[in-house]
Amino acid sequence: MSVLHTLDVRLLEALAGAHLAPADRDGALDVCDGAVDAVRSLAIAHPGRAVREVVLLMLAEETPHLDRQVRGDLARLCEVEVVRGL
């Protein structure tokens, strides 16, 4: 069993009440982790804003039935991770 990173733990907490199928939950985690990794590798002026917008767009495509508030919470967690770390 792999050790979960703090971001993944926070994301799972945010997803706990969403009642997603395991595949959808894993897809949402992959979107968030991938976006954080991608934005960190870029030299851009506002990485927090960028990751938040990317996550919102990708989650809307990956899990369209996920509540908008939950998508926003996940995007905010990714933003905090990029800017300050969790």
PDB file of N, CA and C in Angstrom:
ATOM      1  N   MET A   1       0.847  -1.176   0.000  1.00  0.00           N
ATOM      2  CA  MET A   1       0.000   0.000   0.000  1.00  0.00           C
ATOM      3  C   MET A   1       0.887   1.233   0.000  1.00  0.00           C
ATOM      4  N   SER A   2       0.573   2.175  -0.840  1.00  0.00           N
ATOM      5  CA  SER A   2       1.392   3.378  -0.925  1.00  0.00           C
ATOM      6  C   SER A   2       0.920   4.407   0.096  1.00  0.00           C
ATOM      7  N   VAL A   3       1.840   5.243   0.481  1.00  0.00           N
ATOM      8  CA  VAL A   3       1.527   6.312   1.417  1.00  0.00           C
ATOM      9  C   VAL A   3       0.867   7.446   0.641  1.00  0.00           C
ATOM     10  N   LEU A   4      -0.265   7.918   1.135  1.00  0.00           N
ATOM     11  CA  LEU A   4      -0.955   9.025   0.480  1.00  0.00           C
ATOM     12  C   LEU A   4      -0.286  10.337   0.845  1.00  0.00           C
ATOM     13  N   HIS A   5      -0.161  11.211  -0.122  1.00  0.00           N
ATOM     14  CA  HIS A   5       0.359  12.545   0.131  1.00  0.00           C
ATOM     15  C   HIS A   5      -0.736  13.372   0.787  1.00  0.00           C
ATOM     16  N   THR A   6      -0.346  14.432   1.460  1.00  0.00           N
ATOM     17  CA  THR A   6      -1.312  15.285   2.149  1.00  0.00           C
ATOM     18  C   THR A   6      -2.389  15.790   1.198  1.00  0.00           C
ATOM     19  N   LEU A   7      -2.006  16.170  -0.020  1.00  0.00           N
ATOM     20  CA  LEU A   7      -2.999  16.639  -0.985  1.00  0.00           C
ATOM     21  C   LEU A   7      -4.038  15.558  -1.252  1.00  0.00           C
ATOM     22  N   ASP A   8      -3.595  14.330  -1.468  1.00  0.00           N
ATOM     23  CA  ASP A   8      -4.534  13.245  -1.745  1.00  0.00           C
ATOM     24  C   ASP A   8      -5.482  13.012  -0.572  1.00  0.00           C
ATOM     25  N   VAL A   9      -4.972  13.109   0.647  1.00  0.00           N
ATOM     26  CA  VAL A   9      -5.816  12.934   1.830  1.00  0.00           C
ATOM     27  C   VAL A   9      -6.885  14.021   1.864  1.00  0.00           C
ATOM     28  N   ARG A  10      -6.488  15.261   1.625  1.00  0.00           N
ATOM     29  CA  ARG A  10      -7.449  16.374   1.621  1.00  0.00           C
ATOM     30  C   ARG A  10      -8.462  16.225   0.484  1.00  0.00           C
ATOM     31  N   LEU A  11      -7.996  15.780  -0.664  1.00  0.00           N
ATOM     32  CA  LEU A  11      -8.907  15.579  -1.794  1.00  0.00           C
ATOM     33  C   LEU A  11      -9.926  14.485  -1.478  1.00  0.00           C
ATOM     34  N   LEU A  12      -9.459  13.399  -0.881  1.00  0.00           N
ATOM     35  CA  LEU A  12     -10.373  12.312  -0.516  1.00  0.00           C
ATOM     36  C   LEU A  12     -11.400  12.776   0.514  1.00  0.00           C
ATOM     37  N   GLU A  13     -10.975  13.618   1.449  1.00  0.00           N
ATOM     38  CA  GLU A  13     -11.920  14.171   2.424  1.00  0.00           C
ATOM     39  C   GLU A  13     -12.988  15.004   1.718  1.00  0.00           C
ATOM     40  N   ALA A  14     -12.567  15.805   0.749  1.00  0.00           N
ATOM     41  CA  ALA A  14     -13.515  16.645   0.009  1.00  0.00           C
ATOM     42  C   ALA A  14     -14.471  15.801  -0.832  1.00  0.00           C
ATOM     43  N   LEU A  15     -14.002  14.658  -1.299  1.00  0.00           N
ATOM     44  CA  LEU A  15     -14.825  13.778  -2.136  1.00  0.00           C
ATOM     45  C   LEU A  15     -15.695  12.816  -1.331  1.00  0.00           C
ATOM     46  N   ALA A  16     -15.479  12.743  -0.034  1.00  0.00           N
ATOM     47  CA  ALA A  16     -16.141  11.727   0.793  1.00  0.00           C
ATOM     48  C   ALA A  16     -17.660  11.741   0.659  1.00  0.00           C
ATOM     49  N   GLY A  17     -18.260  12.890   0.626  1.00  0.00           N
ATOM     50  CA  GLY A  17     -19.714  12.959   0.550  1.00  0.00           C
ATOM     51  C   GLY A  17     -20.272  13.004  -0.855  1.00  0.00           C
ATOM     52  N   ALA A  18     -19.405  12.901  -1.846  1.00  0.00           N
ATOM     53  CA  ALA A  18     -19.844  13.050  -3.241  1.00  0.00           C
ATOM     54  C   ALA A  18     -20.482  11.789  -3.816  1.00  0.00           C
ATOM     55  N   HIS A  19     -20.312  10.653  -3.160  1.00  0.00           N
ATOM     56  CA  HIS A  19     -20.898   9.383  -3.598  1.00  0.00           C
ATOM     57  C   HIS A  19     -20.518   9.046  -5.036  1.00  0.00           C
ATOM     58  N   LEU A  20     -19.236   9.149  -5.324  1.00  0.00           N
ATOM     59  CA  LEU A  20     -18.734   8.805  -6.655  1.00  0.00           C
ATOM     60  C   LEU A  20     -18.381   7.332  -6.720  1.00  0.00           C
ATOM     61  N   ALA A  21     -18.474   6.788  -7.902  1.00  0.00           N
ATOM     62  CA  ALA A  21     -17.959   5.442  -8.136  1.00  0.00           C
ATOM     63  C   ALA A  21     -16.445   5.491  -7.960  1.00  0.00           C
ATOM     64  N   PRO A  22     -15.839   4.389  -7.533  1.00  0.00           N
ATOM     65  CA  PRO A  22     -14.388   4.402  -7.326  1.00  0.00           C
ATOM     66  C   PRO A  22     -13.602   4.871  -8.549  1.00  0.00           C
ATOM     67  N   ALA A  23     -14.036   4.495  -9.733  1.00  0.00           N
ATOM     68  CA  ALA A  23     -13.323   4.920 -10.945  1.00  0.00           C
ATOM     69  C   ALA A  23     -13.410   6.433 -11.130  1.00  0.00           C
ATOM     70  N   ASP A  24     -14.567   7.013 -10.837  1.00  0.00           N
ATOM     71  CA  ASP A  24     -14.718   8.468 -10.943  1.00  0.00           C
ATOM     72  C   ASP A  24     -13.882   9.186  -9.889  1.00  0.00           C
ATOM     73  N   ARG A  25     -13.865   8.633  -8.685  1.00  0.00           N
ATOM     74  CA  ARG A  25     -13.056   9.219  -7.610  1.00  0.00           C
ATOM     75  C   ARG A  25     -11.578   9.186  -7.992  1.00  0.00           C
ATOM     76  N   ASP A  26     -11.126   8.049  -8.500  1.00  0.00           N
ATOM     77  CA  ASP A  26      -9.729   7.935  -8.914  1.00  0.00           C
ATOM     78  C   ASP A  26      -9.417   8.880 -10.062  1.00  0.00           C
ATOM     79  N   GLY A  27     -10.365   9.049 -10.980  1.00  0.00           N
ATOM     80  CA  GLY A  27     -10.177   9.987 -12.083  1.00  0.00           C
ATOM     81  C   GLY A  27     -10.034  11.412 -11.590  1.00  0.00           C
ATOM     82  N   ALA A  28     -10.843  11.789 -10.609  1.00  0.00           N
ATOM     83  CA  ALA A  28     -10.752  13.138 -10.037  1.00  0.00           C
ATOM     84  C   ALA A  28      -9.405  13.345  -9.353  1.00  0.00           C
ATOM     85  N   LEU A  29      -8.936  12.328  -8.635  1.00  0.00           N
ATOM     86  CA  LEU A  29      -7.621  12.428  -7.990  1.00  0.00           C
ATOM     87  C   LEU A  29      -6.516  12.562  -9.032  1.00  0.00           C
ATOM     88  N   ASP A  30      -6.619  11.789 -10.106  1.00  0.00           N
ATOM     89  CA  ASP A  30      -5.618  11.862 -11.172  1.00  0.00           C
ATOM     90  C   ASP A  30      -5.594  13.243 -11.822  1.00  0.00           C
ATOM     91  N   VAL A  31      -6.779  13.811 -12.045  1.00  0.00           N
ATOM     92  CA  VAL A  31      -6.860  15.159 -12.620  1.00  0.00           C
ATOM     93  C   VAL A  31      -6.136  16.149 -11.718  1.00  0.00           C
ATOM     94  N   CYS A  32      -6.434  16.096 -10.440  1.00  0.00           N
ATOM     95  CA  CYS A  32      -5.837  17.050  -9.500  1.00  0.00           C
ATOM     96  C   CYS A  32      -4.327  16.870  -9.396  1.00  0.00           C
ATOM     97  N   ASP A  33      -3.891  15.641  -9.214  1.00  0.00           N
ATOM     98  CA  ASP A  33      -2.452  15.385  -9.099  1.00  0.00           C
ATOM     99  C   ASP A  33      -1.716  15.768 -10.377  1.00  0.00           C
ATOM    100  N   GLY A  34      -2.286  15.424 -11.518  1.00  0.00           N
ATOM    101  CA  GLY A  34      -1.658  15.752 -12.796  1.00  0.00           C
ATOM    102  C   GLY A  34      -1.568  17.243 -13.037  1.00  0.00           C
ATOM    103  N   ALA A  35      -2.625  17.958 -12.691  1.00  0.00           N
ATOM    104  CA  ALA A  35      -2.617  19.412 -12.880  1.00  0.00           C
ATOM    105  C   ALA A  35      -1.591  20.081 -11.976  1.00  0.00           C
ATOM    106  N   VAL A  36      -1.515  19.642 -10.735  1.00  0.00           N
ATOM    107  CA  VAL A  36      -0.529  20.209  -9.804  1.00  0.00           C
ATOM    108  C   VAL A  36       0.879  19.961 -10.327  1.00  0.00           C
ATOM    109  N   ASP A  37       1.170  18.744 -10.748  1.00  0.00           N
ATOM    110  CA  ASP A  37       2.501  18.425 -11.279  1.00  0.00           C
ATOM    111  C   ASP A  37       2.814  19.242 -12.527  1.00  0.00           C
ATOM    112  N   ALA A  38       1.841  19.371 -13.421  1.00  0.00           N
ATOM    113  CA  ALA A  38       2.061  20.106 -14.671  1.00  0.00           C
ATOM    114  C   ALA A  38       2.326  21.581 -14.411  1.00  0.00           C
ATOM    115  N   VAL A  39       1.530  22.193 -13.558  1.00  0.00           N
ATOM    116  CA  VAL A  39       1.693  23.625 -13.299  1.00  0.00           C
ATOM    117  C   VAL A  39       3.003  23.900 -12.572  1.00  0.00           C
ATOM    118  N   ARG A  40       3.395  23.002 -11.686  1.00  0.00           N
ATOM    119  CA  ARG A  40       4.674  23.190 -10.983  1.00  0.00           C
ATOM    120  C   ARG A  40       5.855  23.171 -11.954  1.00  0.00           C
ATOM    121  N   SER A  41       5.714  22.463 -13.053  1.00  0.00           N
ATOM    122  CA  SER A  41       6.823  22.355 -14.004  1.00  0.00           C
ATOM    123  C   SER A  41       6.912  23.557 -14.941  1.00  0.00           C
ATOM    124  N   LEU A  42       5.935  24.451 -14.878  1.00  0.00           N
ATOM    125  CA  LEU A  42       5.912  25.620 -15.756  1.00  0.00           C
ATOM    126  C   LEU A  42       6.359  26.869 -15.003  1.00  0.00           C
ATOM    127  N   ALA A  43       6.988  27.771 -15.720  1.00  0.00           N
ATOM    128  CA  ALA A  43       7.369  29.058 -15.132  1.00  0.00           C
ATOM    129  C   ALA A  43       6.312  30.079 -15.541  1.00  0.00           C
ATOM    130  N   ILE A  44       5.246  30.158 -14.748  1.00  0.00           N
ATOM    131  CA  ILE A  44       4.166  31.088 -15.067  1.00  0.00           C
ATOM    132  C   ILE A  44       3.960  32.053 -13.902  1.00  0.00           C
ATOM    133  N   ALA A  45       3.368  33.187 -14.207  1.00  0.00           N
ATOM    134  CA  ALA A  45       3.230  34.258 -13.216  1.00  0.00           C
ATOM    135  C   ALA A  45       2.269  33.904 -12.080  1.00  0.00           C
ATOM    136  N   HIS A  46       1.198  33.226 -12.367  1.00  0.00           N
ATOM    137  CA  HIS A  46       0.181  32.932 -11.357  1.00  0.00           C
ATOM    138  C   HIS A  46      -0.140  31.437 -11.342  1.00  0.00           C
ATOM    139  N   PRO A  47       0.746  30.621 -10.783  1.00  0.00           N
ATOM    140  CA  PRO A  47       0.530  29.174 -10.822  1.00  0.00           C
ATOM    141  C   PRO A  47      -0.715  28.725 -10.059  1.00  0.00           C
ATOM    142  N   GLY A  48      -1.041  29.395  -8.968  1.00  0.00           N
ATOM    143  CA  GLY A  48      -2.231  29.019  -8.207  1.00  0.00           C
ATOM    144  C   GLY A  48      -3.498  29.203  -9.012  1.00  0.00           C
ATOM    145  N   ARG A  49      -3.609  30.347  -9.630  1.00  0.00           N
ATOM    146  CA  ARG A  49      -4.786  30.631 -10.465  1.00  0.00           C
ATOM    147  C   ARG A  49      -4.844  29.658 -11.635  1.00  0.00           C
ATOM    148  N   ALA A  50      -3.691  29.388 -12.227  1.00  0.00           N
ATOM    149  CA  ALA A  50      -3.646  28.486 -13.378  1.00  0.00           C
ATOM    150  C   ALA A  50      -4.117  27.085 -13.002  1.00  0.00           C
ATOM    151  N   VAL A  51      -3.603  26.556 -11.902  1.00  0.00           N
ATOM    152  CA  VAL A  51      -3.990  25.194 -11.522  1.00  0.00           C
ATOM    153  C   VAL A  51      -5.466  25.143 -11.147  1.00  0.00           C
ATOM    154  N   ARG A  52      -5.961  26.167 -10.496  1.00  0.00           N
ATOM    155  CA  ARG A  52      -7.378  26.192 -10.130  1.00  0.00           C
ATOM    156  C   ARG A  52      -8.262  26.120 -11.381  1.00  0.00           C
ATOM    157  N   GLU A  53      -7.936  26.924 -12.378  1.00  0.00           N
ATOM    158  CA  GLU A  53      -8.742  26.946 -13.607  1.00  0.00           C
ATOM    159  C   GLU A  53      -8.624  25.638 -14.385  1.00  0.00           C
ATOM    160  N   VAL A  54      -7.420  25.099 -14.455  1.00  0.00           N
ATOM    161  CA  VAL A  54      -7.210  23.827 -15.156  1.00  0.00           C
ATOM    162  C   VAL A  54      -8.016  22.717 -14.485  1.00  0.00           C
ATOM    163  N   VAL A  55      -7.946  22.650 -13.168  1.00  0.00           N
ATOM    164  CA  VAL A  55      -8.672  21.600 -12.446  1.00  0.00           C
ATOM    165  C   VAL A  55     -10.179  21.753 -12.642  1.00  0.00           C
ATOM    166  N   LEU A  56     -10.680  22.976 -12.563  1.00  0.00           N
ATOM    167  CA  LEU A  56     -12.117  23.185 -12.774  1.00  0.00           C
ATOM    168  C   LEU A  56     -12.554  22.701 -14.157  1.00  0.00           C
ATOM    169  N   LEU A  57     -11.785  23.051 -15.172  1.00  0.00           N
ATOM    170  CA  LEU A  57     -12.132  22.641 -16.534  1.00  0.00           C
ATOM    171  C   LEU A  57     -12.026  21.131 -16.726  1.00  0.00           C
ATOM    172  N   MET A  58     -10.941  20.552 -16.224  1.00  0.00           N
ATOM    173  CA  MET A  58     -10.738  19.118 -16.419  1.00  0.00           C
ATOM    174  C   MET A  58     -11.746  18.285 -15.626  1.00  0.00           C
ATOM    175  N   LEU A  59     -12.078  18.718 -14.415  1.00  0.00           N
ATOM    176  CA  LEU A  59     -13.073  17.981 -13.638  1.00  0.00           C
ATOM    177  C   LEU A  59     -14.453  18.070 -14.281  1.00  0.00           C
ATOM    178  N   ALA A  60     -14.765  19.201 -14.881  1.00  0.00           N
ATOM    179  CA  ALA A  60     -16.046  19.334 -15.577  1.00  0.00           C
ATOM    180  C   ALA A  60     -16.141  18.337 -16.730  1.00  0.00           C
ATOM    181  N   GLU A  61     -15.016  18.050 -17.361  1.00  0.00           N
ATOM    182  CA  GLU A  61     -14.988  17.060 -18.448  1.00  0.00           C
ATOM    183  C   GLU A  61     -14.947  15.632 -17.913  1.00  0.00           C
ATOM    184  N   GLU A  62     -14.116  15.405 -16.901  1.00  0.00           N
ATOM    185  CA  GLU A  62     -13.896  14.058 -16.369  1.00  0.00           C
ATOM    186  C   GLU A  62     -15.089  13.559 -15.546  1.00  0.00           C
ATOM    187  N   THR A  63     -15.638  14.407 -14.707  1.00  0.00           N
ATOM    188  CA  THR A  63     -16.733  14.027 -13.815  1.00  0.00           C
ATOM    189  C   THR A  63     -17.824  15.099 -13.846  1.00  0.00           C
ATOM    190  N   PRO A  64     -18.562  15.190 -14.960  1.00  0.00           N
ATOM    191  CA  PRO A  64     -19.549  16.263 -15.105  1.00  0.00           C
ATOM    192  C   PRO A  64     -20.683  16.206 -14.077  1.00  0.00           C
ATOM    193  N   HIS A  65     -20.953  15.034 -13.529  1.00  0.00           N
ATOM    194  CA  HIS A  65     -22.024  14.894 -12.547  1.00  0.00           C
ATOM    195  C   HIS A  65     -21.581  15.270 -11.135  1.00  0.00           C
ATOM    196  N   LEU A  66     -20.297  15.534 -10.950  1.00  0.00           N
ATOM    197  CA  LEU A  66     -19.787  15.954  -9.643  1.00  0.00           C
ATOM    198  C   LEU A  66     -20.302  17.357  -9.339  1.00  0.00           C
ATOM    199  N   ASP A  67     -20.781  17.541  -8.137  1.00  0.00           N
ATOM    200  CA  ASP A  67     -21.336  18.826  -7.720  1.00  0.00           C
ATOM    201  C   ASP A  67     -20.340  19.961  -7.966  1.00  0.00           C
ATOM    202  N   ARG A  68     -20.854  21.068  -8.442  1.00  0.00           N
ATOM    203  CA  ARG A  68     -20.006  22.225  -8.764  1.00  0.00           C
ATOM    204  C   ARG A  68     -19.223  22.708  -7.540  1.00  0.00           C
ATOM    205  N   GLN A  69     -19.850  22.691  -6.380  1.00  0.00           N
ATOM    206  CA  GLN A  69     -19.180  23.119  -5.150  1.00  0.00           C
ATOM    207  C   GLN A  69     -18.006  22.202  -4.824  1.00  0.00           C
ATOM    208  N   VAL A  70     -18.189  20.906  -5.007  1.00  0.00           N
ATOM    209  CA  VAL A  70     -17.108  19.949  -4.740  1.00  0.00           C
ATOM    210  C   VAL A  70     -15.966  20.169  -5.731  1.00  0.00           C
ATOM    211  N   ARG A  71     -16.302  20.394  -7.003  1.00  0.00           N
ATOM    212  CA  ARG A  71     -15.249  20.698  -7.986  1.00  0.00           C
ATOM    213  C   ARG A  71     -14.479  21.943  -7.563  1.00  0.00           C
ATOM    214  N   GLY A  72     -15.183  22.946  -7.089  1.00  0.00           N
ATOM    215  CA  GLY A  72     -14.531  24.165  -6.619  1.00  0.00           C
ATOM    216  C   GLY A  72     -13.645  23.914  -5.413  1.00  0.00           C
ATOM    217  N   ASP A  73     -14.109  23.065  -4.497  1.00  0.00           N
ATOM    218  CA  ASP A  73     -13.302  22.727  -3.322  1.00  0.00           C
ATOM    219  C   ASP A  73     -12.018  22.010  -3.726  1.00  0.00           C
ATOM    220  N   LEU A  74     -12.131  21.087  -4.672  1.00  0.00           N
ATOM    221  CA  LEU A  74     -10.947  20.362  -5.142  1.00  0.00           C
ATOM    222  C   LEU A  74      -9.968  21.314  -5.827  1.00  0.00           C
ATOM    223  N   ALA A  75     -10.499  22.199  -6.648  1.00  0.00           N
ATOM    224  CA  ALA A  75      -9.642  23.165  -7.344  1.00  0.00           C
ATOM    225  C   ALA A  75      -8.938  24.074  -6.348  1.00  0.00           C
ATOM    226  N   ARG A  76      -9.638  24.481  -5.311  1.00  0.00           N
ATOM    227  CA  ARG A  76      -9.036  25.345  -4.284  1.00  0.00           C
ATOM    228  C   ARG A  76      -7.924  24.607  -3.538  1.00  0.00           C
ATOM    229  N   LEU A  77      -8.129  23.337  -3.231  1.00  0.00           N
ATOM    230  CA  LEU A  77      -7.078  22.559  -2.575  1.00  0.00           C
ATOM    231  C   LEU A  77      -5.830  22.474  -3.454  1.00  0.00           C
ATOM    232  N   CYS A  78      -6.025  22.296  -4.747  1.00  0.00           N
ATOM    233  CA  CYS A  78      -4.886  22.243  -5.666  1.00  0.00           C
ATOM    234  C   CYS A  78      -4.176  23.589  -5.716  1.00  0.00           C
ATOM    235  N   GLU A  79      -4.947  24.659  -5.702  1.00  0.00           N
ATOM    236  CA  GLU A  79      -4.364  26.001  -5.697  1.00  0.00           C
ATOM    237  C   GLU A  79      -3.503  26.210  -4.453  1.00  0.00           C
ATOM    238  N   VAL A  80      -4.027  25.836  -3.307  1.00  0.00           N
ATOM    239  CA  VAL A  80      -3.279  25.987  -2.054  1.00  0.00           C
ATOM    240  C   VAL A  80      -2.014  25.142  -2.090  1.00  0.00           C
ATOM    241  N   GLU A  81      -2.108  23.931  -2.624  1.00  0.00           N
ATOM    242  CA  GLU A  81      -0.934  23.057  -2.716  1.00  0.00           C
ATOM    243  C   GLU A  81       0.162  23.696  -3.555  1.00  0.00           C
ATOM    244  N   VAL A  82      -0.200  24.289  -4.674  1.00  0.00           N
ATOM    245  CA  VAL A  82       0.796  24.894  -5.564  1.00  0.00           C
ATOM    246  C   VAL A  82       1.410  26.144  -4.934  1.00  0.00           C
ATOM    247  N   VAL A  83       0.592  26.949  -4.281  1.00  0.00           N
ATOM    248  CA  VAL A  83       1.070  28.226  -3.747  1.00  0.00           C
ATOM    249  C   VAL A  83       1.817  28.054  -2.428  1.00  0.00           C
ATOM    250  N   ARG A  84       1.234  27.306  -1.493  1.00  0.00           N
ATOM    251  CA  ARG A  84       1.817  27.209  -0.152  1.00  0.00           C
ATOM    252  C   ARG A  84       2.260  25.817   0.235  1.00  0.00           C
ATOM    253  N   GLY A  85       1.711  24.824  -0.385  1.00  0.00           N
ATOM    254  CA  GLY A  85       1.941  23.448   0.037  1.00  0.00           C
ATOM    255  C   GLY A  85       0.977  23.089   1.157  1.00  0.00           C
ATOM    256  N   LEU A  86       0.664  21.811   1.269  1.00  0.00           N
ATOM    257  CA  LEU A  86      -0.253  21.362   2.324  1.00  0.00           C
ATOM    258  C   LEU A  86       0.497  20.597   3.384  1.00  0.00           C
TER     259      LEU A  86
END
